[in-house]
Protein backbone atom coordinates (compact mmCIF):
# COMPACT_ATOMS: atom_id res chain seq x y z
CA UNK A 1 25.16 -9.38 6.61
CA UNK A 2 24.45 -13.45 5.88
CA UNK A 3 28.60 -13.20 5.85
CA UNK A 4 28.75 -14.90 1.58
CA UNK A 5 30.64 -13.17 -0.40
CA UNK A 6 31.41 -13.76 -4.19
CA UNK A 7 32.12 -17.51 -4.07
CA UNK A 8 29.28 -18.61 -1.89
CA UNK A 9 27.25 -16.77 -4.08
CA UNK A 10 27.63 -18.17 -7.09
CA UNK A 11 28.31 -21.71 -5.72
CA UNK A 12 25.25 -20.89 -4.63
CA UNK A 13 23.17 -20.04 -8.29
CA UNK A 14 25.51 -22.99 -9.35
CA UNK A 15 22.92 -25.37 -7.42
CA UNK A 16 20.22 -23.54 -7.84
CA UNK A 17 20.93 -24.12 -11.70
CA UNK A 18 21.20 -27.95 -11.67
CA UNK A 19 18.53 -28.38 -9.25
CA UNK A 20 15.51 -26.59 -11.32
CA UNK A 21 17.38 -26.09 -14.16
CA UNK A 22 17.52 -22.96 -17.16
CA UNK A 23 14.40 -22.28 -17.83
CA UNK A 24 12.45 -23.11 -14.62
CA UNK A 25 15.38 -20.57 -12.63
CA UNK A 26 14.19 -17.80 -15.44
CA UNK A 27 10.89 -18.78 -14.59
CA UNK A 28 11.02 -18.32 -10.97
CA UNK A 29 13.02 -15.36 -11.30
CA UNK A 30 10.70 -13.08 -13.72
CA UNK A 31 7.73 -14.13 -10.95
CA UNK A 32 9.79 -13.07 -7.48
CA UNK A 33 10.57 -9.49 -10.20
CA UNK A 34 6.76 -9.29 -10.75
CA UNK A 35 6.10 -9.91 -7.18
CA UNK A 36 8.02 -7.11 -5.91
CA UNK A 37 6.62 -4.99 -8.76
CA UNK A 38 2.78 -5.28 -7.32
CA UNK A 39 4.39 -5.05 -3.70
CA UNK A 40 5.50 -1.65 -4.45
CA UNK A 41 2.92 -0.66 -6.01
CA UNK A 42 0.25 -1.45 -3.77
CA UNK A 43 2.49 0.68 -1.11
CA UNK A 44 2.18 3.72 -3.20
CA UNK A 45 -0.65 3.99 -4.22
CA UNK A 46 -1.75 3.64 -0.05
CA UNK A 47 -1.36 7.09 0.67
CA UNK A 48 -3.06 7.90 -2.17
CA UNK A 49 -6.45 5.99 -1.39
CA UNK A 50 -6.47 7.88 1.87
CA UNK A 51 -5.93 11.29 0.29
CA UNK A 52 -8.87 10.33 -2.03
CA UNK A 53 -10.76 9.45 1.11
CA UNK A 54 -10.23 12.83 2.93
CA UNK A 55 -10.82 14.90 0.24
CA UNK A 56 -14.23 13.37 0.02
CA UNK A 57 -15.11 13.37 3.77
CA UNK A 58 -14.14 16.99 3.18
CA UNK A 59 -16.37 17.58 0.90
CA UNK A 60 -19.08 15.97 2.07
CA UNK A 61 -18.95 17.36 5.45
CA UNK A 62 -18.96 21.55 3.62
CA UNK A 63 -21.85 20.54 1.87
CA UNK A 64 -23.57 20.13 5.37
CA UNK A 65 -22.11 23.22 6.48
CA UNK A 66 -19.34 22.19 8.79
CA UNK A 67 -16.64 24.12 8.94
CA UNK A 68 -13.39 22.01 8.02
CA UNK A 69 -10.59 23.88 8.93
CA UNK A 70 -7.67 22.24 11.01
CA UNK A 71 -9.89 19.55 12.57
CA UNK A 72 -8.76 16.03 11.58
CA UNK A 73 -11.27 13.52 9.77
CA UNK A 74 -11.51 12.39 12.96
CA UNK A 75 -13.03 15.18 14.56
CA UNK A 76 -14.77 16.05 10.79
CA UNK A 77 -16.55 12.45 11.29
CA UNK A 78 -18.23 13.13 15.26
CA UNK A 79 -19.66 16.63 13.69
CA UNK A 80 -21.04 14.66 10.77
CA UNK A 81 -22.67 12.40 13.16
CA UNK A 82 -23.88 14.20 15.13
CA UNK A 83 -25.29 16.53 12.56
CA UNK A 84 -27.47 13.53 11.38
CA UNK A 85 -28.69 12.33 14.71
CA UNK A 86 -29.82 16.23 15.36
CA UNK A 87 -31.71 16.02 11.76
CA UNK A 88 -32.97 12.49 13.18
CA UNK A 89 -34.33 13.39 16.05
């Protein structure tokens, strides 16, 4: 990747250890690990939230009497808006 082998990595680690000290380096590594864990958690939750949102739209459309089979969310929302506009007029 960057042309770094084991000897270079050991030298970099030794320099970091001298600059920051053992306890500070441990805290930095812990913070980095927690950040990566939170990022993975946030990215895995996104599809779940989208599915819940789509299920809610479909449920509301069915209550309004709109057919939802073979339609995407945008089409369903368009029909819901049209039906709401008709009832207001």
